Amino acid sequence: MSTGFAWHELFNFHDTGTSAGLVRAGLNVQPYAHVESAESKSRFAVLVAATEVGDRLERIPVVPVTDDDLLRVHTAAHVDRIRRDSGGLGGDCGDGTSPFGPGSRTPDMVS
């Protein structure tokens, strides 16, 4: 059995805004890039490519997600909220700590 790796350059544009770990950034807490960011995705892809690990992984083509794919793991209400909030300022993924920025929806979700 192989281990797969899916990568697309658009993942470099993933925007989660700023964070301060599990605490909201603010007047008394200095913001910095959230660990769930474009930088962490880009760094991982570069490390995979720069080491022999990349030779051991099976490349998986990145394809647009369908509603059926999303609804296998998320409720329709969650998918609708992410779509709505992605068109505005962004939001959190429903757990209060995992942010996403504007436009974080997948390209097929743009309508």
PDB file of N, CA and C in Angstrom:
ATOM      1  N   MET A   1       0.840  -1.182   0.000  1.00  0.00           N
ATOM      2  CA  MET A   1       0.000   0.000   0.000  1.00  0.00           C
ATOM      3  C   MET A   1       0.885   1.245   0.000  1.00  0.00           C
ATOM      4  N   SER A   2       0.494   2.231  -0.795  1.00  0.00           N
ATOM      5  CA  SER A   2       1.247   3.479  -0.921  1.00  0.00           C
ATOM      6  C   SER A   2       0.636   4.572  -0.060  1.00  0.00           C
ATOM      7  N   THR A   3       1.451   5.567   0.233  1.00  0.00           N
ATOM      8  CA  THR A   3       0.974   6.781   0.872  1.00  0.00           C
ATOM      9  C   THR A   3       0.910   7.857  -0.188  1.00  0.00           C
ATOM     10  N   GLY A   4      -0.201   8.567  -0.261  1.00  0.00           N
ATOM     11  CA  GLY A   4      -0.386   9.564  -1.297  1.00  0.00           C
ATOM     12  C   GLY A   4      -0.101  10.975  -0.823  1.00  0.00           C
ATOM     13  N   PHE A   5       0.133  11.852  -1.790  1.00  0.00           N
ATOM     14  CA  PHE A   5       0.398  13.258  -1.521  1.00  0.00           C
ATOM     15  C   PHE A   5      -0.280  14.085  -2.609  1.00  0.00           C
ATOM     16  N   ALA A   6      -1.211  14.931  -2.195  1.00  0.00           N
ATOM     17  CA  ALA A   6      -1.911  15.818  -3.132  1.00  0.00           C
ATOM     18  C   ALA A   6      -1.397  17.233  -2.919  1.00  0.00           C
ATOM     19  N   TRP A   7      -1.022  17.899  -3.998  1.00  0.00           N
ATOM     20  CA  TRP A   7      -0.505  19.262  -3.895  1.00  0.00           C
ATOM     21  C   TRP A   7      -0.893  20.057  -5.127  1.00  0.00           C
ATOM     22  N   HIS A   8      -1.264  21.321  -4.899  1.00  0.00           N
ATOM     23  CA  HIS A   8      -1.525  22.257  -5.987  1.00  0.00           C
ATOM     24  C   HIS A   8      -0.987  23.613  -5.547  1.00  0.00           C
ATOM     25  N   GLU A   9      -0.443  24.372  -6.472  1.00  0.00           N
ATOM     26  CA  GLU A   9       0.137  25.678  -6.143  1.00  0.00           C
ATOM     27  C   GLU A   9      -0.879  26.633  -5.511  1.00  0.00           C
ATOM     28  N   LEU A  10      -2.165  26.465  -5.803  1.00  0.00           N
ATOM     29  CA  LEU A  10      -3.173  27.322  -5.179  1.00  0.00           C
ATOM     30  C   LEU A  10      -3.213  27.162  -3.661  1.00  0.00           C
ATOM     31  N   PHE A  11      -2.699  26.043  -3.140  1.00  0.00           N
ATOM     32  CA  PHE A  11      -2.659  25.861  -1.694  1.00  0.00           C
ATOM     33  C   PHE A  11      -1.785  26.926  -1.036  1.00  0.00           C
ATOM     34  N   ASN A  12      -0.886  27.530  -1.804  1.00  0.00           N
ATOM     35  CA  ASN A  12      -0.051  28.620  -1.287  1.00  0.00           C
ATOM     36  C   ASN A  12      -0.854  29.881  -0.994  1.00  0.00           C
ATOM     37  N   PHE A  13      -2.082  29.962  -1.454  1.00  0.00           N
ATOM     38  CA  PHE A  13      -2.911  31.140  -1.254  1.00  0.00           C
ATOM     39  C   PHE A  13      -3.912  30.964  -0.113  1.00  0.00           C
ATOM     40  N   HIS A  14      -3.823  29.873   0.619  1.00  0.00           N
ATOM     41  CA  HIS A  14      -4.711  29.587   1.747  1.00  0.00           C
ATOM     42  C   HIS A  14      -4.499  30.648   2.819  1.00  0.00           C
ATOM     43  N   ASP A  15      -5.546  31.382   3.168  1.00  0.00           N
ATOM     44  CA  ASP A  15      -5.417  32.506   4.093  1.00  0.00           C
ATOM     45  C   ASP A  15      -6.257  32.281   5.338  1.00  0.00           C
ATOM     46  N   THR A  16      -5.591  32.149   6.475  1.00  0.00           N
ATOM     47  CA  THR A  16      -6.313  31.998   7.734  1.00  0.00           C
ATOM     48  C   THR A  16      -6.183  33.230   8.612  1.00  0.00           C
ATOM     49  N   GLY A  17      -5.564  34.266   8.107  1.00  0.00           N
ATOM     50  CA  GLY A  17      -5.401  35.478   8.894  1.00  0.00           C
ATOM     51  C   GLY A  17      -4.368  35.286   9.994  1.00  0.00           C
ATOM     52  N   THR A  18      -4.470  36.074  11.043  1.00  0.00           N
ATOM     53  CA  THR A  18      -3.525  35.967  12.146  1.00  0.00           C
ATOM     54  C   THR A  18      -4.164  35.240  13.321  1.00  0.00           C
ATOM     55  N   SER A  19      -3.309  34.861  14.266  1.00  0.00           N
ATOM     56  CA  SER A  19      -3.764  34.094  15.407  1.00  0.00           C
ATOM     57  C   SER A  19      -2.815  34.315  16.561  1.00  0.00           C
ATOM     58  N   ALA A  20      -3.111  33.672  17.656  1.00  0.00           N
ATOM     59  CA  ALA A  20      -2.206  33.648  18.808  1.00  0.00           C
ATOM     60  C   ALA A  20      -2.383  32.293  19.482  1.00  0.00           C
ATOM     61  N   GLY A  21      -2.282  31.246  18.676  1.00  0.00           N
ATOM     62  CA  GLY A  21      -2.530  29.908  19.200  1.00  0.00           C
ATOM     63  C   GLY A  21      -4.017  29.721  19.416  1.00  0.00           C
ATOM     64  N   LEU A  22      -4.396  29.262  20.595  1.00  0.00           N
ATOM     65  CA  LEU A  22      -5.809  29.052  20.897  1.00  0.00           C
ATOM     66  C   LEU A  22      -6.465  30.277  21.502  1.00  0.00           C
ATOM     67  N   VAL A  23      -5.682  31.362  21.642  1.00  0.00           N
ATOM     68  CA  VAL A  23      -6.185  32.606  22.212  1.00  0.00           C
ATOM     69  C   VAL A  23      -6.383  33.603  21.074  1.00  0.00           C
ATOM     70  N   ARG A  24      -7.435  34.373  21.123  1.00  0.00           N
ATOM     71  CA  ARG A  24      -7.648  35.394  20.095  1.00  0.00           C
ATOM     72  C   ARG A  24      -6.598  36.495  20.228  1.00  0.00           C
ATOM     73  N   ALA A  25      -6.032  36.887  19.102  1.00  0.00           N
ATOM     74  CA  ALA A  25      -5.095  38.005  19.097  1.00  0.00           C
ATOM     75  C   ALA A  25      -5.865  39.278  19.444  1.00  0.00           C
ATOM     76  N   GLY A  26      -5.198  40.196  20.077  1.00  0.00           N
ATOM     77  CA  GLY A  26      -5.870  41.431  20.447  1.00  0.00           C
ATOM     78  C   GLY A  26      -4.907  42.395  21.099  1.00  0.00           C
ATOM     79  N   LEU A  27      -5.450  43.338  21.832  1.00  0.00           N
ATOM     80  CA  LEU A  27      -4.666  44.397  22.429  1.00  0.00           C
ATOM     81  C   LEU A  27      -3.546  43.874  23.331  1.00  0.00           C
ATOM     82  N   ASN A  28      -3.789  42.797  24.061  1.00  0.00           N
ATOM     83  CA  ASN A  28      -2.791  42.261  24.982  1.00  0.00           C
ATOM     84  C   ASN A  28      -2.111  40.988  24.489  1.00  0.00           C
ATOM     85  N   VAL A  29      -2.446  40.522  23.286  1.00  0.00           N
ATOM     86  CA  VAL A  29      -1.889  39.282  22.745  1.00  0.00           C
ATOM     87  C   VAL A  29      -1.402  39.545  21.320  1.00  0.00           C
ATOM     88  N   GLN A  30      -0.094  39.406  21.112  1.00  0.00           N
ATOM     89  CA  GLN A  30       0.483  39.697  19.803  1.00  0.00           C
ATOM     90  C   GLN A  30       0.048  38.656  18.773  1.00  0.00           C
ATOM     91  N   PRO A  31      -0.481  39.097  17.632  1.00  0.00           N
ATOM     92  CA  PRO A  31      -0.876  38.155  16.585  1.00  0.00           C
ATOM     93  C   PRO A  31       0.330  37.668  15.789  1.00  0.00           C
ATOM     94  N   TYR A  32       0.215  36.481  15.237  1.00  0.00           N
ATOM     95  CA  TYR A  32       1.198  35.948  14.305  1.00  0.00           C
ATOM     96  C   TYR A  32       0.476  34.985  13.380  1.00  0.00           C
ATOM     97  N   ALA A  33       1.182  34.472  12.405  1.00  0.00           N
ATOM     98  CA  ALA A  33       0.541  33.574  11.441  1.00  0.00           C
ATOM     99  C   ALA A  33       0.024  32.331  12.155  1.00  0.00           C
ATOM    100  N   HIS A  34      -1.194  31.952  11.843  1.00  0.00           N
ATOM    101  CA  HIS A  34      -1.777  30.742  12.405  1.00  0.00           C
ATOM    102  C   HIS A  34      -1.037  29.533  11.847  1.00  0.00           C
ATOM    103  N   VAL A  35      -0.918  28.481  12.639  1.00  0.00           N
ATOM    104  CA  VAL A  35      -0.216  27.275  12.175  1.00  0.00           C
ATOM    105  C   VAL A  35      -0.909  26.687  10.943  1.00  0.00           C
ATOM    106  N   GLU A  36      -2.202  26.870  10.830  1.00  0.00           N
ATOM    107  CA  GLU A  36      -2.961  26.432   9.662  1.00  0.00           C
ATOM    108  C   GLU A  36      -2.919  27.566   8.645  1.00  0.00           C
ATOM    109  N   SER A  37      -1.821  27.639   7.894  1.00  0.00           N
ATOM    110  CA  SER A  37      -1.610  28.771   6.994  1.00  0.00           C
ATOM    111  C   SER A  37      -0.987  28.317   5.688  1.00  0.00           C
ATOM    112  N   ALA A  38      -0.921  29.232   4.740  1.00  0.00           N
ATOM    113  CA  ALA A  38      -0.272  28.937   3.464  1.00  0.00           C
ATOM    114  C   ALA A  38       1.193  28.582   3.675  1.00  0.00           C
ATOM    115  N   GLU A  39       1.850  29.258   4.618  1.00  0.00           N
ATOM    116  CA  GLU A  39       3.269  29.009   4.859  1.00  0.00           C
ATOM    117  C   GLU A  39       3.524  27.568   5.297  1.00  0.00           C
ATOM    118  N   SER A  40       2.679  27.044   6.180  1.00  0.00           N
ATOM    119  CA  SER A  40       2.891  25.666   6.626  1.00  0.00           C
ATOM    120  C   SER A  40       2.670  24.676   5.486  1.00  0.00           C
ATOM    121  N   LYS A  41       1.717  24.954   4.614  1.00  0.00           N
ATOM    122  CA  LYS A  41       1.464  24.073   3.461  1.00  0.00           C
ATOM    123  C   LYS A  41       2.638  24.117   2.479  1.00  0.00           C
ATOM    124  N   SER A  42       3.101  25.332   2.178  1.00  0.00           N
ATOM    125  CA  SER A  42       4.210  25.507   1.247  1.00  0.00           C
ATOM    126  C   SER A  42       5.486  24.858   1.781  1.00  0.00           C
ATOM    127  N   ARG A  43       5.756  25.078   3.056  1.00  0.00           N
ATOM    128  CA  ARG A  43       6.965  24.505   3.665  1.00  0.00           C
ATOM    129  C   ARG A  43       6.925  22.986   3.602  1.00  0.00           C
ATOM    130  N   PHE A  44       5.786  22.385   3.891  1.00  0.00           N
ATOM    131  CA  PHE A  44       5.661  20.935   3.842  1.00  0.00           C
ATOM    132  C   PHE A  44       5.921  20.420   2.427  1.00  0.00           C
ATOM    133  N   ALA A  45       5.339  21.082   1.414  1.00  0.00           N
ATOM    134  CA  ALA A  45       5.531  20.654   0.024  1.00  0.00           C
ATOM    135  C   ALA A  45       7.001  20.747  -0.381  1.00  0.00           C
ATOM    136  N   VAL A  46       7.681  21.806   0.040  1.00  0.00           N
ATOM    137  CA  VAL A  46       9.103  21.961  -0.283  1.00  0.00           C
ATOM    138  C   VAL A  46       9.926  20.880   0.404  1.00  0.00           C
ATOM    139  N   LEU A  47       9.623  20.586   1.661  1.00  0.00           N
ATOM    140  CA  LEU A  47      10.358  19.535   2.374  1.00  0.00           C
ATOM    141  C   LEU A  47      10.152  18.170   1.730  1.00  0.00           C
ATOM    142  N   VAL A  48       8.946  17.893   1.284  1.00  0.00           N
ATOM    143  CA  VAL A  48       8.674  16.628   0.598  1.00  0.00           C
ATOM    144  C   VAL A  48       9.498  16.549  -0.685  1.00  0.00           C
ATOM    145  N   ALA A  49       9.504  17.640  -1.460  1.00  0.00           N
ATOM    146  CA  ALA A  49      10.227  17.655  -2.734  1.00  0.00           C
ATOM    147  C   ALA A  49      11.743  17.601  -2.546  1.00  0.00           C
ATOM    148  N   ALA A  50      12.244  18.159  -1.449  1.00  0.00           N
ATOM    149  CA  ALA A  50      13.690  18.254  -1.240  1.00  0.00           C
ATOM    150  C   ALA A  50      14.299  17.005  -0.604  1.00  0.00           C
ATOM    151  N   THR A  51      13.476  16.071  -0.197  1.00  0.00           N
ATOM    152  CA  THR A  51      13.983  14.860   0.457  1.00  0.00           C
ATOM    153  C   THR A  51      13.537  13.630  -0.309  1.00  0.00           C
ATOM    154  N   GLU A  52      14.081  12.492   0.072  1.00  0.00           N
ATOM    155  CA  GLU A  52      13.696  11.237  -0.579  1.00  0.00           C
ATOM    156  C   GLU A  52      12.274  10.820  -0.212  1.00  0.00           C
ATOM    157  N   VAL A  53      11.672  11.510   0.740  1.00  0.00           N
ATOM    158  CA  VAL A  53      10.287  11.205   1.098  1.00  0.00           C
ATOM    159  C   VAL A  53       9.390  11.359  -0.129  1.00  0.00           C
ATOM    160  N   GLY A  54       9.633  12.398  -0.920  1.00  0.00           N
ATOM    161  CA  GLY A  54       8.828  12.621  -2.112  1.00  0.00           C
ATOM    162  C   GLY A  54       8.873  11.463  -3.086  1.00  0.00           C
ATOM    163  N   ASP A  55       9.996  10.762  -3.150  1.00  0.00           N
ATOM    164  CA  ASP A  55      10.117   9.621  -4.053  1.00  0.00           C
ATOM    165  C   ASP A  55       9.284   8.429  -3.592  1.00  0.00           C
ATOM    166  N   ARG A  56       8.926   8.413  -2.329  1.00  0.00           N
ATOM    167  CA  ARG A  56       8.163   7.286  -1.767  1.00  0.00           C
ATOM    168  C   ARG A  56       6.656   7.526  -1.775  1.00  0.00           C
ATOM    169  N   LEU A  57       6.248   8.736  -2.130  1.00  0.00           N
ATOM    170  CA  LEU A  57       4.832   9.070  -2.107  1.00  0.00           C
ATOM    171  C   LEU A  57       4.210   8.956  -3.490  1.00  0.00           C
ATOM    172  N   GLU A  58       2.989   8.534  -3.513  1.00  0.00           N
ATOM    173  CA  GLU A  58       2.245   8.493  -4.766  1.00  0.00           C
ATOM    174  C   GLU A  58       1.524   9.822  -4.940  1.00  0.00           C
ATOM    175  N   ARG A  59       1.802  10.512  -6.049  1.00  0.00           N
ATOM    176  CA  ARG A  59       1.141  11.794  -6.309  1.00  0.00           C
ATOM    177  C   ARG A  59      -0.331  11.547  -6.605  1.00  0.00           C
ATOM    178  N   ILE A  60      -1.163  12.292  -5.934  1.00  0.00           N
ATOM    179  CA  ILE A  60      -2.610  12.201  -6.137  1.00  0.00           C
ATOM    180  C   ILE A  60      -3.040  13.482  -6.825  1.00  0.00           C
ATOM    181  N   PRO A  61      -3.699  13.385  -7.971  1.00  0.00           N
ATOM    182  CA  PRO A  61      -4.131  14.605  -8.649  1.00  0.00           C
ATOM    183  C   PRO A  61      -5.168  15.350  -7.811  1.00  0.00           C
ATOM    184  N   VAL A  62      -5.068  16.660  -7.815  1.00  0.00           N
ATOM    185  CA  VAL A  62      -6.027  17.504  -7.110  1.00  0.00           C
ATOM    186  C   VAL A  62      -7.192  17.763  -8.059  1.00  0.00           C
ATOM    187  N   VAL A  63      -8.363  17.396  -7.620  1.00  0.00           N
ATOM    188  CA  VAL A  63      -9.571  17.595  -8.431  1.00  0.00           C
ATOM    189  C   VAL A  63     -10.585  18.380  -7.606  1.00  0.00           C
ATOM    190  N   PRO A  64     -11.465  19.119  -8.267  1.00  0.00           N
ATOM    191  CA  PRO A  64     -12.479  19.872  -7.525  1.00  0.00           C
ATOM    192  C   PRO A  64     -13.357  18.939  -6.686  1.00  0.00           C
ATOM    193  N   VAL A  65     -13.696  19.381  -5.505  1.00  0.00           N
ATOM    194  CA  VAL A  65     -14.570  18.613  -4.621  1.00  0.00           C
ATOM    195  C   VAL A  65     -16.017  18.817  -5.057  1.00  0.00           C
ATOM    196  N   THR A  66     -16.814  17.787  -4.894  1.00  0.00           N
ATOM    197  CA  THR A  66     -18.239  17.890  -5.221  1.00  0.00           C
ATOM    198  C   THR A  66     -19.036  18.048  -3.924  1.00  0.00           C
ATOM    199  N   ASP A  67     -20.281  18.458  -4.063  1.00  0.00           N
ATOM    200  CA  ASP A  67     -21.147  18.521  -2.886  1.00  0.00           C
ATOM    201  C   ASP A  67     -21.258  17.148  -2.229  1.00  0.00           C
ATOM    202  N   ASP A  68     -21.363  16.102  -3.029  1.00  0.00           N
ATOM    203  CA  ASP A  68     -21.444  14.752  -2.462  1.00  0.00           C
ATOM    204  C   ASP A  68     -20.205  14.427  -1.630  1.00  0.00           C
ATOM    205  N   ASP A  69     -19.020  14.836  -2.119  1.00  0.00           N
ATOM    206  CA  ASP A  69     -17.776  14.623  -1.352  1.00  0.00           C
ATOM    207  C   ASP A  69     -17.854  15.338  -0.009  1.00  0.00           C
ATOM    208  N   LEU A  70     -18.245  16.615  -0.045  1.00  0.00           N
ATOM    209  CA  LEU A  70     -18.315  17.414   1.177  1.00  0.00           C
ATOM    210  C   LEU A  70     -19.322  16.848   2.164  1.00  0.00           C
ATOM    211  N   LEU A  71     -20.451  16.410   1.651  1.00  0.00           N
ATOM    212  CA  LEU A  71     -21.526  15.940   2.521  1.00  0.00           C
ATOM    213  C   LEU A  71     -21.250  14.562   3.116  1.00  0.00           C
ATOM    214  N   ARG A  72     -20.190  13.906   2.667  1.00  0.00           N
ATOM    215  CA  ARG A  72     -19.776  12.641   3.309  1.00  0.00           C
ATOM    216  C   ARG A  72     -19.209  12.884   4.698  1.00  0.00           C
ATOM    217  N   VAL A  73     -18.663  14.082   4.911  1.00  0.00           N
ATOM    218  CA  VAL A  73     -17.992  14.361   6.185  1.00  0.00           C
ATOM    219  C   VAL A  73     -18.506  15.613   6.890  1.00  0.00           C
ATOM    220  N   HIS A  74     -19.357  16.407   6.225  1.00  0.00           N
ATOM    221  CA  HIS A  74     -19.888  17.628   6.825  1.00  0.00           C
ATOM    222  C   HIS A  74     -21.393  17.687   6.636  1.00  0.00           C
ATOM    223  N   THR A  75     -22.054  18.394   7.525  1.00  0.00           N
ATOM    224  CA  THR A  75     -23.492  18.614   7.358  1.00  0.00           C
ATOM    225  C   THR A  75     -23.718  19.676   6.280  1.00  0.00           C
ATOM    226  N   ALA A  76     -24.905  19.677   5.722  1.00  0.00           N
ATOM    227  CA  ALA A  76     -25.246  20.683   4.717  1.00  0.00           C
ATOM    228  C   ALA A  76     -25.186  22.087   5.322  1.00  0.00           C
ATOM    229  N   ALA A  77     -25.587  22.219   6.578  1.00  0.00           N
ATOM    230  CA  ALA A  77     -25.546  23.532   7.238  1.00  0.00           C
ATOM    231  C   ALA A  77     -24.109  24.029   7.360  1.00  0.00           C
ATOM    232  N   HIS A  78     -23.176  23.137   7.660  1.00  0.00           N
ATOM    233  CA  HIS A  78     -21.768  23.524   7.781  1.00  0.00           C
ATOM    234  C   HIS A  78     -21.227  23.981   6.419  1.00  0.00           C
ATOM    235  N   VAL A  79     -21.505  23.214   5.379  1.00  0.00           N
ATOM    236  CA  VAL A  79     -21.047  23.569   4.033  1.00  0.00           C
ATOM    237  C   VAL A  79     -21.620  24.923   3.619  1.00  0.00           C
ATOM    238  N   ASP A  80     -22.895  25.143   3.877  1.00  0.00           N
ATOM    239  CA  ASP A  80     -23.532  26.420   3.536  1.00  0.00           C
ATOM    240  C   ASP A  80     -22.882  27.580   4.298  1.00  0.00           C
ATOM    241  N   ARG A  81     -22.576  27.381   5.587  1.00  0.00           N
ATOM    242  CA  ARG A  81     -21.960  28.444   6.385  1.00  0.00           C
ATOM    243  C   ARG A  81     -20.567  28.782   5.876  1.00  0.00           C
ATOM    244  N   ILE A  82     -19.775  27.759   5.531  1.00  0.00           N
ATOM    245  CA  ILE A  82     -18.426  28.003   5.008  1.00  0.00           C
ATOM    246  C   ILE A  82     -18.516  28.755   3.687  1.00  0.00           C
ATOM    247  N   ARG A  83     -19.437  28.362   2.828  1.00  0.00           N
ATOM    248  CA  ARG A  83     -19.625  29.078   1.558  1.00  0.00           C
ATOM    249  C   ARG A  83     -19.963  30.540   1.809  1.00  0.00           C
ATOM    250  N   ARG A  84     -20.902  30.777   2.695  1.00  0.00           N
ATOM    251  CA  ARG A  84     -21.355  32.146   2.993  1.00  0.00           C
ATOM    252  C   ARG A  84     -20.211  32.973   3.582  1.00  0.00           C
ATOM    253  N   ASP A  85     -19.537  32.437   4.596  1.00  0.00           N
ATOM    254  CA  ASP A  85     -18.490  33.194   5.274  1.00  0.00           C
ATOM    255  C   ASP A  85     -17.253  33.388   4.398  1.00  0.00           C
ATOM    256  N   SER A  86     -16.988  32.455   3.486  1.00  0.00           N
ATOM    257  CA  SER A  86     -15.845  32.598   2.578  1.00  0.00           C
ATOM    258  C   SER A  86     -16.022  33.769   1.634  1.00  0.00           C
ATOM    259  N   GLY A  87     -17.254  34.103   1.342  1.00  0.00           N
ATOM    260  CA  GLY A  87     -17.523  35.239   0.473  1.00  0.00           C
ATOM    261  C   GLY A  87     -17.375  36.576   1.181  1.00  0.00           C
ATOM    262  N   GLY A  88     -17.273  36.539   2.500  1.00  0.00           N
ATOM    263  CA  GLY A  88     -17.131  37.768   3.281  1.00  0.00           C
ATOM    264  C   GLY A  88     -15.739  37.864   3.881  1.00  0.00           C
ATOM    265  N   LEU A  89     -15.689  38.005   5.191  1.00  0.00           N
ATOM    266  CA  LEU A  89     -14.416  38.189   5.895  1.00  0.00           C
ATOM    267  C   LEU A  89     -13.768  36.880   6.334  1.00  0.00           C
ATOM    268  N   GLY A  90     -14.446  35.757   6.146  1.00  0.00           N
ATOM    269  CA  GLY A  90     -13.950  34.488   6.655  1.00  0.00           C
ATOM    270  C   GLY A  90     -14.630  34.187   7.979  1.00  0.00           C
ATOM    271  N   GLY A  91     -14.079  33.240   8.704  1.00  0.00           N
ATOM    272  CA  GLY A  91     -14.684  32.855   9.973  1.00  0.00           C
ATOM    273  C   GLY A  91     -13.890  31.742  10.617  1.00  0.00           C
ATOM    274  N   ASP A  92     -14.586  30.902  11.389  1.00  0.00           N
ATOM    275  CA  ASP A  92     -13.913  29.729  11.941  1.00  0.00           C
ATOM    276  C   ASP A  92     -14.638  28.485  11.429  1.00  0.00           C
ATOM    277  N   CYS A  93     -13.975  27.375  11.508  1.00  0.00           N
ATOM    278  CA  CYS A  93     -14.487  26.135  10.913  1.00  0.00           C
ATOM    279  C   CYS A  93     -15.557  25.463  11.759  1.00  0.00           C
ATOM    280  N   GLY A  94     -16.012  26.158  12.786  1.00  0.00           N
ATOM    281  CA  GLY A  94     -17.074  25.624  13.618  1.00  0.00           C
ATOM    282  C   GLY A  94     -16.619  25.202  14.995  1.00  0.00           C
ATOM    283  N   ASP A  95     -15.299  25.182  15.206  1.00  0.00           N
ATOM    284  CA  ASP A  95     -14.791  24.772  16.516  1.00  0.00           C
ATOM    285  C   ASP A  95     -14.319  25.960  17.345  1.00  0.00           C
ATOM    286  N   GLY A  96     -14.401  27.168  16.783  1.00  0.00           N
ATOM    287  CA  GLY A  96     -13.989  28.361  17.495  1.00  0.00           C
ATOM    288  C   GLY A  96     -12.499  28.633  17.481  1.00  0.00           C
ATOM    289  N   THR A  97     -11.690  27.717  16.933  1.00  0.00           N
ATOM    290  CA  THR A  97     -10.235  27.909  16.945  1.00  0.00           C
ATOM    291  C   THR A  97      -9.565  27.728  15.586  1.00  0.00           C
ATOM    292  N   SER A  98     -10.251  27.181  14.606  1.00  0.00           N
ATOM    293  CA  SER A  98      -9.650  26.925  13.295  1.00  0.00           C
ATOM    294  C   SER A  98     -10.162  27.943  12.288  1.00  0.00           C
ATOM    295  N   PRO A  99      -9.398  29.022  12.054  1.00  0.00           N
ATOM    296  CA  PRO A  99      -9.895  30.096  11.201  1.00  0.00           C
ATOM    297  C   PRO A  99      -9.747  29.793   9.712  1.00  0.00           C
ATOM    298  N   PHE A 100     -10.544  30.464   8.925  1.00  0.00           N
ATOM    299  CA  PHE A 100     -10.324  30.498   7.480  1.00  0.00           C
ATOM    300  C   PHE A 100     -10.594  31.918   7.021  1.00  0.00           C
ATOM    301  N   GLY A 101      -9.874  32.316   5.999  1.00  0.00           N
ATOM    302  CA  GLY A 101      -9.983  33.681   5.514  1.00  0.00           C
ATOM    303  C   GLY A 101     -10.939  33.799   4.350  1.00  0.00           C
ATOM    304  N   PRO A 102     -11.120  35.012   3.857  1.00  0.00           N
ATOM    305  CA  PRO A 102     -12.004  35.217   2.706  1.00  0.00           C
ATOM    306  C   PRO A 102     -11.479  34.467   1.499  1.00  0.00           C
ATOM    307  N   GLY A 103     -12.383  33.840   0.769  1.00  0.00           N
ATOM    308  CA  GLY A 103     -11.987  33.111  -0.432  1.00  0.00           C
ATOM    309  C   GLY A 103     -11.371  31.752  -0.165  1.00  0.00           C
ATOM    310  N   SER A 104     -11.471  31.239   1.056  1.00  0.00           N
ATOM    311  CA  SER A 104     -10.859  29.949   1.378  1.00  0.00           C
ATOM    312  C   SER A 104     -11.644  28.760   0.819  1.00  0.00           C
ATOM    313  N   ARG A 105     -12.811  29.026   0.307  1.00  0.00           N
ATOM    314  CA  ARG A 105     -13.572  27.921  -0.277  1.00  0.00           C
ATOM    315  C   ARG A 105     -12.826  27.387  -1.492  1.00  0.00           C
ATOM    316  N   THR A 106     -13.147  26.184  -1.877  1.00  0.00           N
ATOM    317  CA  THR A 106     -12.509  25.585  -3.042  1.00  0.00           C
ATOM    318  C   THR A 106     -13.007  26.274  -4.309  1.00  0.00           C
ATOM    319  N   PRO A 107     -12.197  26.296  -5.386  1.00  0.00           N
ATOM    320  CA  PRO A 107     -12.597  27.017  -6.603  1.00  0.00           C
ATOM    321  C   PRO A 107     -13.954  26.594  -7.145  1.00  0.00           C
ATOM    322  N   ASP A 108     -14.324  25.306  -7.019  1.00  0.00           N
ATOM    323  CA  ASP A 108     -15.610  24.877  -7.552  1.00  0.00           C
ATOM    324  C   ASP A 108     -16.768  25.454  -6.773  1.00  0.00           C
ATOM    325  N   MET A 109     -16.493  25.978  -5.562  1.00  0.00           N
ATOM    326  CA  MET A 109     -17.557  26.527  -4.736  1.00  0.00           C
ATOM    327  C   MET A 109     -17.886  27.963  -5.126  1.00  0.00           C
ATOM    328  N   VAL A 110     -17.058  28.560  -5.964  1.00  0.00           N
ATOM    329  CA  VAL A 110     -17.293  29.939  -6.364  1.00  0.00           C
ATOM    330  C   VAL A 110     -18.467  29.990  -7.314  1.00  0.00           C
ATOM    331  N   SER A 111     -19.462  30.758  -6.938  1.00  0.00           N
ATOM    332  CA  SER A 111     -20.625  30.891  -7.840  1.00  0.00           C
ATOM    333  C   SER A 111     -21.194  32.285  -7.734  1.00  0.00           C
TER     334      SER A 111
END
